[in-house]
Amino acid sequence: MMANRLMLSGTVCKTPIRKVSPSGITHCQFVLEHRSVQEEAGFARQAWCRVPVVVSGKTSNQITHRITVGEQITVHGFISSHQGRNGLSKMVLHAEQIDLIDSGD
């Protein structure tokens, strides 16, 4: 089996959209923004990205009901390509586990 695992922490930056597919499967889509400093070739490098996330199936409501814009989370899952309405492909993180990051308040 080919490896396809991704763990990414960040902040939810777009309001989650909940949909039900024609086959009755629930989906929740949102965008995760990641910012960090990573070491590369001995130098500190700013890392930044926005990644679309989708959570599907019966557990999507249980996992996502508390997720709002500004929430800090860690997403575990796999990546796949989705074709947008404009015909362009984009990478999407399919979440299998989402952990809320305790803000310490």
PDB file of N, CA and C in Angstrom:
ATOM      1  N   MET A   1       0.845  -1.181   0.000  1.00  0.00           N
ATOM      2  CA  MET A   1       0.000   0.000   0.000  1.00  0.00           C
ATOM      3  C   MET A   1       0.893   1.249   0.000  1.00  0.00           C
ATOM      4  N   MET A   2       0.529   2.230  -0.777  1.00  0.00           N
ATOM      5  CA  MET A   2       1.285   3.478  -0.855  1.00  0.00           C
ATOM      6  C   MET A   2       0.916   4.363   0.328  1.00  0.00           C
ATOM      7  N   ALA A   3       1.919   5.033   0.910  1.00  0.00           N
ATOM      8  CA  ALA A   3       1.688   5.904   2.063  1.00  0.00           C
ATOM      9  C   ALA A   3       0.989   7.191   1.627  1.00  0.00           C
ATOM     10  N   ASN A   4       0.003   7.616   2.398  1.00  0.00           N
ATOM     11  CA  ASN A   4      -0.693   8.882   2.163  1.00  0.00           C
ATOM     12  C   ASN A   4      -1.276   9.322   3.497  1.00  0.00           C
ATOM     13  N   ARG A   5      -0.467   9.954   4.327  1.00  0.00           N
ATOM     14  CA  ARG A   5      -0.885  10.411   5.658  1.00  0.00           C
ATOM     15  C   ARG A   5      -0.442  11.853   5.809  1.00  0.00           C
ATOM     16  N   LEU A   6      -1.309  12.683   6.370  1.00  0.00           N
ATOM     17  CA  LEU A   6      -0.953  14.070   6.608  1.00  0.00           C
ATOM     18  C   LEU A   6      -1.528  14.501   7.944  1.00  0.00           C
ATOM     19  N   MET A   7      -0.704  15.192   8.738  1.00  0.00           N
ATOM     20  CA  MET A   7      -1.158  15.798   9.988  1.00  0.00           C
ATOM     21  C   MET A   7      -0.800  17.269   9.883  1.00  0.00           C
ATOM     22  N   LEU A   8      -1.793  18.139  10.041  1.00  0.00           N
ATOM     23  CA  LEU A   8      -1.575  19.573   9.884  1.00  0.00           C
ATOM     24  C   LEU A   8      -2.362  20.325  10.953  1.00  0.00           C
ATOM     25  N   SER A   9      -1.681  21.238  11.640  1.00  0.00           N
ATOM     26  CA  SER A   9      -2.339  22.079  12.641  1.00  0.00           C
ATOM     27  C   SER A   9      -2.522  23.468  12.056  1.00  0.00           C
ATOM     28  N   GLY A  10      -3.579  24.132  12.505  1.00  0.00           N
ATOM     29  CA  GLY A  10      -3.803  25.492  12.047  1.00  0.00           C
ATOM     30  C   GLY A  10      -5.102  26.049  12.582  1.00  0.00           C
ATOM     31  N   THR A  11      -5.543  27.116  11.918  1.00  0.00           N
ATOM     32  CA  THR A  11      -6.743  27.837  12.328  1.00  0.00           C
ATOM     33  C   THR A  11      -7.789  27.730  11.233  1.00  0.00           C
ATOM     34  N   VAL A  12      -9.012  27.426  11.618  1.00  0.00           N
ATOM     35  CA  VAL A  12     -10.122  27.389  10.662  1.00  0.00           C
ATOM     36  C   VAL A  12     -10.345  28.823  10.179  1.00  0.00           C
ATOM     37  N   CYS A  13     -10.238  29.063   8.866  1.00  0.00           N
ATOM     38  CA  CYS A  13     -10.302  30.434   8.360  1.00  0.00           C
ATOM     39  C   CYS A  13     -11.504  30.680   7.459  1.00  0.00           C
ATOM     40  N   LYS A  14     -12.299  29.657   7.188  1.00  0.00           N
ATOM     41  CA  LYS A  14     -13.545  29.854   6.436  1.00  0.00           C
ATOM     42  C   LYS A  14     -14.646  29.053   7.115  1.00  0.00           C
ATOM     43  N   THR A  15     -15.846  29.637   7.145  1.00  0.00           N
ATOM     44  CA  THR A  15     -16.980  29.003   7.815  1.00  0.00           C
ATOM     45  C   THR A  15     -17.239  27.613   7.236  1.00  0.00           C
ATOM     46  N   PRO A  16     -17.366  26.599   8.113  1.00  0.00           N
ATOM     47  CA  PRO A  16     -17.664  25.249   7.623  1.00  0.00           C
ATOM     48  C   PRO A  16     -18.983  25.203   6.859  1.00  0.00           C
ATOM     49  N   ILE A  17     -18.981  24.496   5.738  1.00  0.00           N
ATOM     50  CA  ILE A  17     -20.175  24.308   4.917  1.00  0.00           C
ATOM     51  C   ILE A  17     -20.571  22.849   5.034  1.00  0.00           C
ATOM     52  N   ARG A  18     -21.821  22.617   5.419  1.00  0.00           N
ATOM     53  CA  ARG A  18     -22.317  21.245   5.562  1.00  0.00           C
ATOM     54  C   ARG A  18     -23.262  20.933   4.412  1.00  0.00           C
ATOM     55  N   LYS A  19     -23.057  19.758   3.807  1.00  0.00           N
ATOM     56  CA  LYS A  19     -23.868  19.332   2.665  1.00  0.00           C
ATOM     57  C   LYS A  19     -24.181  17.852   2.815  1.00  0.00           C
ATOM     58  N   VAL A  20     -25.228  17.425   2.107  1.00  0.00           N
ATOM     59  CA  VAL A  20     -25.541  16.001   2.004  1.00  0.00           C
ATOM     60  C   VAL A  20     -25.508  15.652   0.522  1.00  0.00           C
ATOM     61  N   SER A  21     -24.733  14.637   0.171  1.00  0.00           N
ATOM     62  CA  SER A  21     -24.604  14.238  -1.235  1.00  0.00           C
ATOM     63  C   SER A  21     -25.897  13.564  -1.697  1.00  0.00           C
ATOM     64  N   PRO A  22     -26.082  13.436  -3.025  1.00  0.00           N
ATOM     65  CA  PRO A  22     -27.273  12.741  -3.533  1.00  0.00           C
ATOM     66  C   PRO A  22     -27.415  11.316  -2.993  1.00  0.00           C
ATOM     67  N   SER A  23     -26.288  10.699  -2.619  1.00  0.00           N
ATOM     68  CA  SER A  23     -26.349   9.337  -2.071  1.00  0.00           C
ATOM     69  C   SER A  23     -26.598   9.328  -0.568  1.00  0.00           C
ATOM     70  N   GLY A  24     -26.791  10.516   0.038  1.00  0.00           N
ATOM     71  CA  GLY A  24     -27.142  10.600   1.447  1.00  0.00           C
ATOM     72  C   GLY A  24     -25.963  10.700   2.410  1.00  0.00           C
ATOM     73  N   ILE A  25     -24.762  10.867   1.892  1.00  0.00           N
ATOM     74  CA  ILE A  25     -23.583  10.972   2.751  1.00  0.00           C
ATOM     75  C   ILE A  25     -23.385  12.434   3.150  1.00  0.00           C
ATOM     76  N   THR A  26     -23.194  12.669   4.455  1.00  0.00           N
ATOM     77  CA  THR A  26     -22.962  14.031   4.923  1.00  0.00           C
ATOM     78  C   THR A  26     -21.501  14.414   4.733  1.00  0.00           C
ATOM     79  N   HIS A  27     -21.290  15.675   4.374  1.00  0.00           N
ATOM     80  CA  HIS A  27     -19.944  16.210   4.178  1.00  0.00           C
ATOM     81  C   HIS A  27     -19.870  17.563   4.872  1.00  0.00           C
ATOM     82  N   CYS A  28     -18.717  17.862   5.449  1.00  0.00           N
ATOM     83  CA  CYS A  28     -18.451  19.180   5.997  1.00  0.00           C
ATOM     84  C   CYS A  28     -17.140  19.654   5.399  1.00  0.00           C
ATOM     85  N   GLN A  29     -17.154  20.866   4.815  1.00  0.00           N
ATOM     86  CA  GLN A  29     -15.967  21.416   4.179  1.00  0.00           C
ATOM     87  C   GLN A  29     -15.594  22.724   4.858  1.00  0.00           C
ATOM     88  N   PHE A  30     -14.280  22.917   5.074  1.00  0.00           N
ATOM     89  CA  PHE A  30     -13.784  24.181   5.593  1.00  0.00           C
ATOM     90  C   PHE A  30     -12.339  24.342   5.136  1.00  0.00           C
ATOM     91  N   VAL A  31     -11.738  25.488   5.452  1.00  0.00           N
ATOM     92  CA  VAL A  31     -10.359  25.749   5.045  1.00  0.00           C
ATOM     93  C   VAL A  31      -9.511  25.948   6.296  1.00  0.00           C
ATOM     94  N   LEU A  32      -8.355  25.266   6.326  1.00  0.00           N
ATOM     95  CA  LEU A  32      -7.418  25.352   7.445  1.00  0.00           C
ATOM     96  C   LEU A  32      -6.213  26.182   7.011  1.00  0.00           C
ATOM     97  N   GLU A  33      -5.879  27.198   7.815  1.00  0.00           N
ATOM     98  CA  GLU A  33      -4.696  28.010   7.548  1.00  0.00           C
ATOM     99  C   GLU A  33      -3.596  27.621   8.520  1.00  0.00           C
ATOM    100  N   HIS A  34      -2.429  27.298   7.976  1.00  0.00           N
ATOM    101  CA  HIS A  34      -1.284  26.869   8.779  1.00  0.00           C
ATOM    102  C   HIS A  34      -0.176  27.913   8.659  1.00  0.00           C
ATOM    103  N   ARG A  35       0.412  28.289   9.806  1.00  0.00           N
ATOM    104  CA  ARG A  35       1.585  29.174   9.829  1.00  0.00           C
ATOM    105  C   ARG A  35       2.562  28.620  10.863  1.00  0.00           C
ATOM    106  N   SER A  36       3.817  28.484  10.454  1.00  0.00           N
ATOM    107  CA  SER A  36       4.831  28.013  11.397  1.00  0.00           C
ATOM    108  C   SER A  36       6.210  28.403  10.893  1.00  0.00           C
ATOM    109  N   VAL A  37       7.210  28.142  11.706  1.00  0.00           N
ATOM    110  CA  VAL A  37       8.604  28.296  11.298  1.00  0.00           C
ATOM    111  C   VAL A  37       9.205  26.895  11.277  1.00  0.00           C
ATOM    112  N   GLN A  38       9.740  26.503  10.145  1.00  0.00           N
ATOM    113  CA  GLN A  38      10.339  25.187   9.965  1.00  0.00           C
ATOM    114  C   GLN A  38      11.819  25.363   9.655  1.00  0.00           C
ATOM    115  N   GLU A  39      12.623  24.357  10.001  1.00  0.00           N
ATOM    116  CA  GLU A  39      14.045  24.410   9.672  1.00  0.00           C
ATOM    117  C   GLU A  39      14.281  23.671   8.369  1.00  0.00           C
ATOM    118  N   GLU A  40      14.991  24.340   7.463  1.00  0.00           N
ATOM    119  CA  GLU A  40      15.312  23.732   6.172  1.00  0.00           C
ATOM    120  C   GLU A  40      16.734  24.122   5.804  1.00  0.00           C
ATOM    121  N   ALA A  41      17.572  23.129   5.546  1.00  0.00           N
ATOM    122  CA  ALA A  41      18.979  23.353   5.173  1.00  0.00           C
ATOM    123  C   ALA A  41      19.692  24.232   6.194  1.00  0.00           C
ATOM    124  N   GLY A  42      19.330  24.063   7.471  1.00  0.00           N
ATOM    125  CA  GLY A  42      19.983  24.795   8.540  1.00  0.00           C
ATOM    126  C   GLY A  42      19.464  26.202   8.774  1.00  0.00           C
ATOM    127  N   PHE A  43      18.423  26.601   8.041  1.00  0.00           N
ATOM    128  CA  PHE A  43      17.870  27.943   8.189  1.00  0.00           C
ATOM    129  C   PHE A  43      16.406  27.885   8.596  1.00  0.00           C
ATOM    130  N   ALA A  44      15.967  28.907   9.343  1.00  0.00           N
ATOM    131  CA  ALA A  44      14.555  29.019   9.712  1.00  0.00           C
ATOM    132  C   ALA A  44      13.786  29.545   8.502  1.00  0.00           C
ATOM    133  N   ARG A  45      12.674  28.887   8.211  1.00  0.00           N
ATOM    134  CA  ARG A  45      11.861  29.275   7.052  1.00  0.00           C
ATOM    135  C   ARG A  45      10.414  29.426   7.491  1.00  0.00           C
ATOM    136  N   GLN A  46       9.783  30.505   7.071  1.00  0.00           N
ATOM    137  CA  GLN A  46       8.359  30.701   7.332  1.00  0.00           C
ATOM    138  C   GLN A  46       7.575  29.740   6.443  1.00  0.00           C
ATOM    139  N   ALA A  47       6.684  28.965   7.049  1.00  0.00           N
ATOM    140  CA  ALA A  47       5.820  28.061   6.289  1.00  0.00           C
ATOM    141  C   ALA A  47       4.390  28.559   6.429  1.00  0.00           C
ATOM    142  N   TRP A  48       3.690  28.651   5.306  1.00  0.00           N
ATOM    143  CA  TRP A  48       2.316  29.127   5.315  1.00  0.00           C
ATOM    144  C   TRP A  48       1.540  28.431   4.210  1.00  0.00           C
ATOM    145  N   CYS A  49       0.316  28.015   4.512  1.00  0.00           N
ATOM    146  CA  CYS A  49      -0.549  27.456   3.475  1.00  0.00           C
ATOM    147  C   CYS A  49      -1.997  27.497   3.945  1.00  0.00           C
ATOM    148  N   ARG A  50      -2.890  27.447   2.987  1.00  0.00           N
ATOM    149  CA  ARG A  50      -4.315  27.258   3.244  1.00  0.00           C
ATOM    150  C   ARG A  50      -4.720  25.983   2.529  1.00  0.00           C
ATOM    151  N   VAL A  51      -5.331  25.063   3.280  1.00  0.00           N
ATOM    152  CA  VAL A  51      -5.671  23.760   2.728  1.00  0.00           C
ATOM    153  C   VAL A  51      -7.169  23.506   2.924  1.00  0.00           C
ATOM    154  N   PRO A  52      -7.888  23.186   1.832  1.00  0.00           N
ATOM    155  CA  PRO A  52      -9.287  22.786   1.991  1.00  0.00           C
ATOM    156  C   PRO A  52      -9.344  21.439   2.711  1.00  0.00           C
ATOM    157  N   VAL A  53     -10.309  21.317   3.631  1.00  0.00           N
ATOM    158  CA  VAL A  53     -10.500  20.087   4.405  1.00  0.00           C
ATOM    159  C   VAL A  53     -11.934  19.612   4.191  1.00  0.00           C
ATOM    160  N   VAL A  54     -12.113  18.311   4.033  1.00  0.00           N
ATOM    161  CA  VAL A  54     -13.447  17.733   3.962  1.00  0.00           C
ATOM    162  C   VAL A  54     -13.535  16.588   4.962  1.00  0.00           C
ATOM    163  N   VAL A  55     -14.681  16.530   5.667  1.00  0.00           N
ATOM    164  CA  VAL A  55     -14.970  15.435   6.600  1.00  0.00           C
ATOM    165  C   VAL A  55     -16.251  14.797   6.097  1.00  0.00           C
ATOM    166  N   SER A  56     -16.245  13.479   5.891  1.00  0.00           N
ATOM    167  CA  SER A  56     -17.396  12.812   5.299  1.00  0.00           C
ATOM    168  C   SER A  56     -17.900  11.674   6.166  1.00  0.00           C
ATOM    169  N   GLY A  57     -19.174  11.350   5.974  1.00  0.00           N
ATOM    170  CA  GLY A  57     -19.765  10.196   6.633  1.00  0.00           C
ATOM    171  C   GLY A  57     -20.509  10.547   7.901  1.00  0.00           C
ATOM    172  N   LYS A  58     -20.980   9.501   8.565  1.00  0.00           N
ATOM    173  CA  LYS A  58     -21.816   9.667   9.761  1.00  0.00           C
ATOM    174  C   LYS A  58     -21.116  10.445  10.866  1.00  0.00           C
ATOM    175  N   THR A  59     -19.806  10.283  10.951  1.00  0.00           N
ATOM    176  CA  THR A  59     -19.086  10.931  12.051  1.00  0.00           C
ATOM    177  C   THR A  59     -18.799  12.408  11.786  1.00  0.00           C
ATOM    178  N   SER A  60     -19.085  12.890  10.574  1.00  0.00           N
ATOM    179  CA  SER A  60     -18.718  14.273  10.260  1.00  0.00           C
ATOM    180  C   SER A  60     -19.414  15.273  11.173  1.00  0.00           C
ATOM    181  N   ASN A  61     -20.680  15.047  11.494  1.00  0.00           N
ATOM    182  CA  ASN A  61     -21.380  15.984  12.380  1.00  0.00           C
ATOM    183  C   ASN A  61     -20.805  15.944  13.789  1.00  0.00           C
ATOM    184  N   GLN A  62     -20.471  14.748  14.277  1.00  0.00           N
ATOM    185  CA  GLN A  62     -19.910  14.624  15.620  1.00  0.00           C
ATOM    186  C   GLN A  62     -18.557  15.330  15.701  1.00  0.00           C
ATOM    187  N   ILE A  63     -17.743  15.202  14.653  1.00  0.00           N
ATOM    188  CA  ILE A  63     -16.402  15.778  14.660  1.00  0.00           C
ATOM    189  C   ILE A  63     -16.463  17.290  14.470  1.00  0.00           C
ATOM    190  N   THR A  64     -17.371  17.758  13.627  1.00  0.00           N
ATOM    191  CA  THR A  64     -17.310  19.153  13.185  1.00  0.00           C
ATOM    192  C   THR A  64     -18.303  20.089  13.860  1.00  0.00           C
ATOM    193  N   HIS A  65     -19.205  19.600  14.706  1.00  0.00           N
ATOM    194  CA  HIS A  65     -20.261  20.474  15.228  1.00  0.00           C
ATOM    195  C   HIS A  65     -19.719  21.633  16.059  1.00  0.00           C
ATOM    196  N   ARG A  66     -18.505  21.499  16.617  1.00  0.00           N
ATOM    197  CA  ARG A  66     -17.931  22.566  17.437  1.00  0.00           C
ATOM    198  C   ARG A  66     -16.914  23.415  16.683  1.00  0.00           C
ATOM    199  N   ILE A  67     -16.685  23.116  15.420  1.00  0.00           N
ATOM    200  CA  ILE A  67     -15.665  23.837  14.665  1.00  0.00           C
ATOM    201  C   ILE A  67     -16.244  25.136  14.109  1.00  0.00           C
ATOM    202  N   THR A  68     -15.578  26.252  14.441  1.00  0.00           N
ATOM    203  CA  THR A  68     -15.987  27.560  13.955  1.00  0.00           C
ATOM    204  C   THR A  68     -14.748  28.311  13.461  1.00  0.00           C
ATOM    205  N   VAL A  69     -14.969  29.409  12.750  1.00  0.00           N
ATOM    206  CA  VAL A  69     -13.857  30.237  12.280  1.00  0.00           C
ATOM    207  C   VAL A  69     -13.048  30.704  13.486  1.00  0.00           C
ATOM    208  N   GLY A  70     -11.733  30.609  13.385  1.00  0.00           N
ATOM    209  CA  GLY A  70     -10.844  31.009  14.470  1.00  0.00           C
ATOM    210  C   GLY A  70     -10.426  29.865  15.375  1.00  0.00           C
ATOM    211  N   GLU A  71     -11.107  28.734  15.271  1.00  0.00           N
ATOM    212  CA  GLU A  71     -10.786  27.554  16.091  1.00  0.00           C
ATOM    213  C   GLU A  71      -9.439  26.989  15.659  1.00  0.00           C
ATOM    214  N   GLN A  72      -8.587  26.651  16.632  1.00  0.00           N
ATOM    215  CA  GLN A  72      -7.302  26.019  16.327  1.00  0.00           C
ATOM    216  C   GLN A  72      -7.456  24.514  16.471  1.00  0.00           C
ATOM    217  N   ILE A  73      -7.072  23.791  15.408  1.00  0.00           N
ATOM    218  CA  ILE A  73      -7.272  22.343  15.378  1.00  0.00           C
ATOM    219  C   ILE A  73      -6.058  21.657  14.748  1.00  0.00           C
ATOM    220  N   THR A  74      -5.982  20.351  14.982  1.00  0.00           N
ATOM    221  CA  THR A  74      -5.042  19.491  14.271  1.00  0.00           C
ATOM    222  C   THR A  74      -5.864  18.462  13.514  1.00  0.00           C
ATOM    223  N   VAL A  75      -5.588  18.344  12.219  1.00  0.00           N
ATOM    224  CA  VAL A  75      -6.319  17.420  11.357  1.00  0.00           C
ATOM    225  C   VAL A  75      -5.384  16.286  10.953  1.00  0.00           C
ATOM    226  N   HIS A  76      -5.876  15.053  11.072  1.00  0.00           N
ATOM    227  CA  HIS A  76      -5.153  13.860  10.622  1.00  0.00           C
ATOM    228  C   HIS A  76      -5.971  13.256   9.485  1.00  0.00           C
ATOM    229  N   GLY A  77      -5.325  12.891   8.389  1.00  0.00           N
ATOM    230  CA  GLY A  77      -6.068  12.273   7.298  1.00  0.00           C
ATOM    231  C   GLY A  77      -5.176  11.979   6.114  1.00  0.00           C
ATOM    232  N   PHE A  78      -5.797  11.997   4.923  1.00  0.00           N
ATOM    233  CA  PHE A  78      -5.067  11.729   3.690  1.00  0.00           C
ATOM    234  C   PHE A  78      -5.416  12.811   2.681  1.00  0.00           C
ATOM    235  N   ILE A  79      -4.553  12.977   1.671  1.00  0.00           N
ATOM    236  CA  ILE A  79      -4.813  13.990   0.661  1.00  0.00           C
ATOM    237  C   ILE A  79      -5.257  13.344  -0.645  1.00  0.00           C
ATOM    238  N   SER A  80      -6.097  14.089  -1.367  1.00  0.00           N
ATOM    239  CA  SER A  80      -6.569  13.651  -2.664  1.00  0.00           C
ATOM    240  C   SER A  80      -6.840  14.890  -3.506  1.00  0.00           C
ATOM    241  N   SER A  81      -6.965  14.701  -4.793  1.00  0.00           N
ATOM    242  CA  SER A  81      -7.227  15.805  -5.701  1.00  0.00           C
ATOM    243  C   SER A  81      -8.725  15.893  -5.985  1.00  0.00           C
ATOM    244  N   HIS A  82      -9.254  17.113  -5.965  1.00  0.00           N
ATOM    245  CA  HIS A  82     -10.647  17.359  -6.330  1.00  0.00           C
ATOM    246  C   HIS A  82     -10.655  18.317  -7.505  1.00  0.00           C
ATOM    247  N   GLN A  83     -11.560  18.091  -8.436  1.00  0.00           N
ATOM    248  CA  GLN A  83     -11.686  19.017  -9.560  1.00  0.00           C
ATOM    249  C   GLN A  83     -12.764  20.037  -9.242  1.00  0.00           C
ATOM    250  N   GLY A  84     -12.386  21.299  -9.299  1.00  0.00           N
ATOM    251  CA  GLY A  84     -13.318  22.374  -9.013  1.00  0.00           C
ATOM    252  C   GLY A  84     -14.222  22.670 -10.191  1.00  0.00           C
ATOM    253  N   ARG A  85     -15.210  23.549  -9.969  1.00  0.00           N
ATOM    254  CA  ARG A  85     -16.145  23.931 -11.033  1.00  0.00           C
ATOM    255  C   ARG A  85     -15.423  24.594 -12.199  1.00  0.00           C
ATOM    256  N   ASN A  86     -14.264  25.209 -11.911  1.00  0.00           N
ATOM    257  CA  ASN A  86     -13.500  25.877 -12.966  1.00  0.00           C
ATOM    258  C   ASN A  86     -12.638  24.897 -13.774  1.00  0.00           C
ATOM    259  N   GLY A  87     -12.715  23.606 -13.431  1.00  0.00           N
ATOM    260  CA  GLY A  87     -11.959  22.597 -14.161  1.00  0.00           C
ATOM    261  C   GLY A  87     -10.555  22.375 -13.634  1.00  0.00           C
ATOM    262  N   LEU A  88     -10.109  23.222 -12.683  1.00  0.00           N
ATOM    263  CA  LEU A  88      -8.773  23.081 -12.122  1.00  0.00           C
ATOM    264  C   LEU A  88      -8.790  22.113 -10.945  1.00  0.00           C
ATOM    265  N   SER A  89      -7.718  21.351 -10.803  1.00  0.00           N
ATOM    266  CA  SER A  89      -7.610  20.418  -9.680  1.00  0.00           C
ATOM    267  C   SER A  89      -7.001  21.125  -8.483  1.00  0.00           C
ATOM    268  N   LYS A  90      -7.441  20.732  -7.288  1.00  0.00           N
ATOM    269  CA  LYS A  90      -6.842  21.254  -6.070  1.00  0.00           C
ATOM    270  C   LYS A  90      -6.676  20.106  -5.086  1.00  0.00           C
ATOM    271  N   MET A  91      -5.667  20.238  -4.227  1.00  0.00           N
ATOM    272  CA  MET A  91      -5.411  19.238  -3.208  1.00  0.00           C
ATOM    273  C   MET A  91      -6.384  19.466  -2.051  1.00  0.00           C
ATOM    274  N   VAL A  92      -6.982  18.398  -1.550  1.00  0.00           N
ATOM    275  CA  VAL A  92      -7.917  18.472  -0.430  1.00  0.00           C
ATOM    276  C   VAL A  92      -7.481  17.468   0.634  1.00  0.00           C
ATOM    277  N   LEU A  93      -7.509  17.905   1.892  1.00  0.00           N
ATOM    278  CA  LEU A  93      -7.203  17.027   3.019  1.00  0.00           C
ATOM    279  C   LEU A  93      -8.497  16.380   3.489  1.00  0.00           C
ATOM    280  N   HIS A  94      -8.579  15.068   3.392  1.00  0.00           N
ATOM    281  CA  HIS A  94      -9.739  14.306   3.865  1.00  0.00           C
ATOM    282  C   HIS A  94      -9.488  13.924   5.324  1.00  0.00           C
ATOM    283  N   ALA A  95     -10.221  14.554   6.224  1.00  0.00           N
ATOM    284  CA  ALA A  95      -9.980  14.371   7.655  1.00  0.00           C
ATOM    285  C   ALA A  95     -10.566  13.059   8.147  1.00  0.00           C
ATOM    286  N   GLU A  96      -9.762  12.337   8.914  1.00  0.00           N
ATOM    287  CA  GLU A  96     -10.222  11.126   9.592  1.00  0.00           C
ATOM    288  C   GLU A  96     -10.284  11.360  11.095  1.00  0.00           C
ATOM    289  N   GLN A  97      -9.512  12.333  11.587  1.00  0.00           N
ATOM    290  CA  GLN A  97      -9.510  12.687  13.004  1.00  0.00           C
ATOM    291  C   GLN A  97      -9.228  14.182  13.105  1.00  0.00           C
ATOM    292  N   ILE A  98      -9.977  14.865  13.976  1.00  0.00           N
ATOM    293  CA  ILE A  98      -9.754  16.290  14.225  1.00  0.00           C
ATOM    294  C   ILE A  98      -9.667  16.487  15.724  1.00  0.00           C
ATOM    295  N   ASP A  99      -8.585  17.126  16.159  1.00  0.00           N
ATOM    296  CA  ASP A  99      -8.393  17.426  17.585  1.00  0.00           C
ATOM    297  C   ASP A  99      -8.404  18.928  17.773  1.00  0.00           C
ATOM    298  N   LEU A 100      -9.185  19.390  18.765  1.00  0.00           N
ATOM    299  CA  LEU A 100      -9.182  20.804  19.115  1.00  0.00           C
ATOM    300  C   LEU A 100      -7.920  21.090  19.905  1.00  0.00           C
ATOM    301  N   ILE A 101      -7.257  22.211  19.611  1.00  0.00           N
ATOM    302  CA  ILE A 101      -6.055  22.613  20.324  1.00  0.00           C
ATOM    303  C   ILE A 101      -6.500  23.494  21.489  1.00  0.00           C
ATOM    304  N   ASP A 102      -6.141  23.108  22.699  1.00  0.00           N
ATOM    305  CA  ASP A 102      -6.525  23.872  23.889  1.00  0.00           C
ATOM    306  C   ASP A 102      -5.814  25.212  23.863  1.00  0.00           C
ATOM    307  N   SER A 103      -6.579  26.291  23.907  1.00  0.00           N
ATOM    308  CA  SER A 103      -5.989  27.637  23.834  1.00  0.00           C
ATOM    309  C   SER A 103      -5.368  28.056  25.167  1.00  0.00           C
ATOM    310  N   GLY A 104      -5.640  27.302  26.234  1.00  0.00           N
ATOM    311  CA  GLY A 104      -5.060  27.619  27.531  1.00  0.00           C
ATOM    312  C   GLY A 104      -5.825  28.674  28.313  1.00  0.00           C
ATOM    313  N   ASP A 105      -6.986  29.090  27.808  1.00  0.00           N
ATOM    314  CA  ASP A 105      -7.797  30.109  28.505  1.00  0.00           C
ATOM    315  C   ASP A 105      -8.431  29.539  29.750  1.00  0.00           C
TER     316      ASP A 105
END
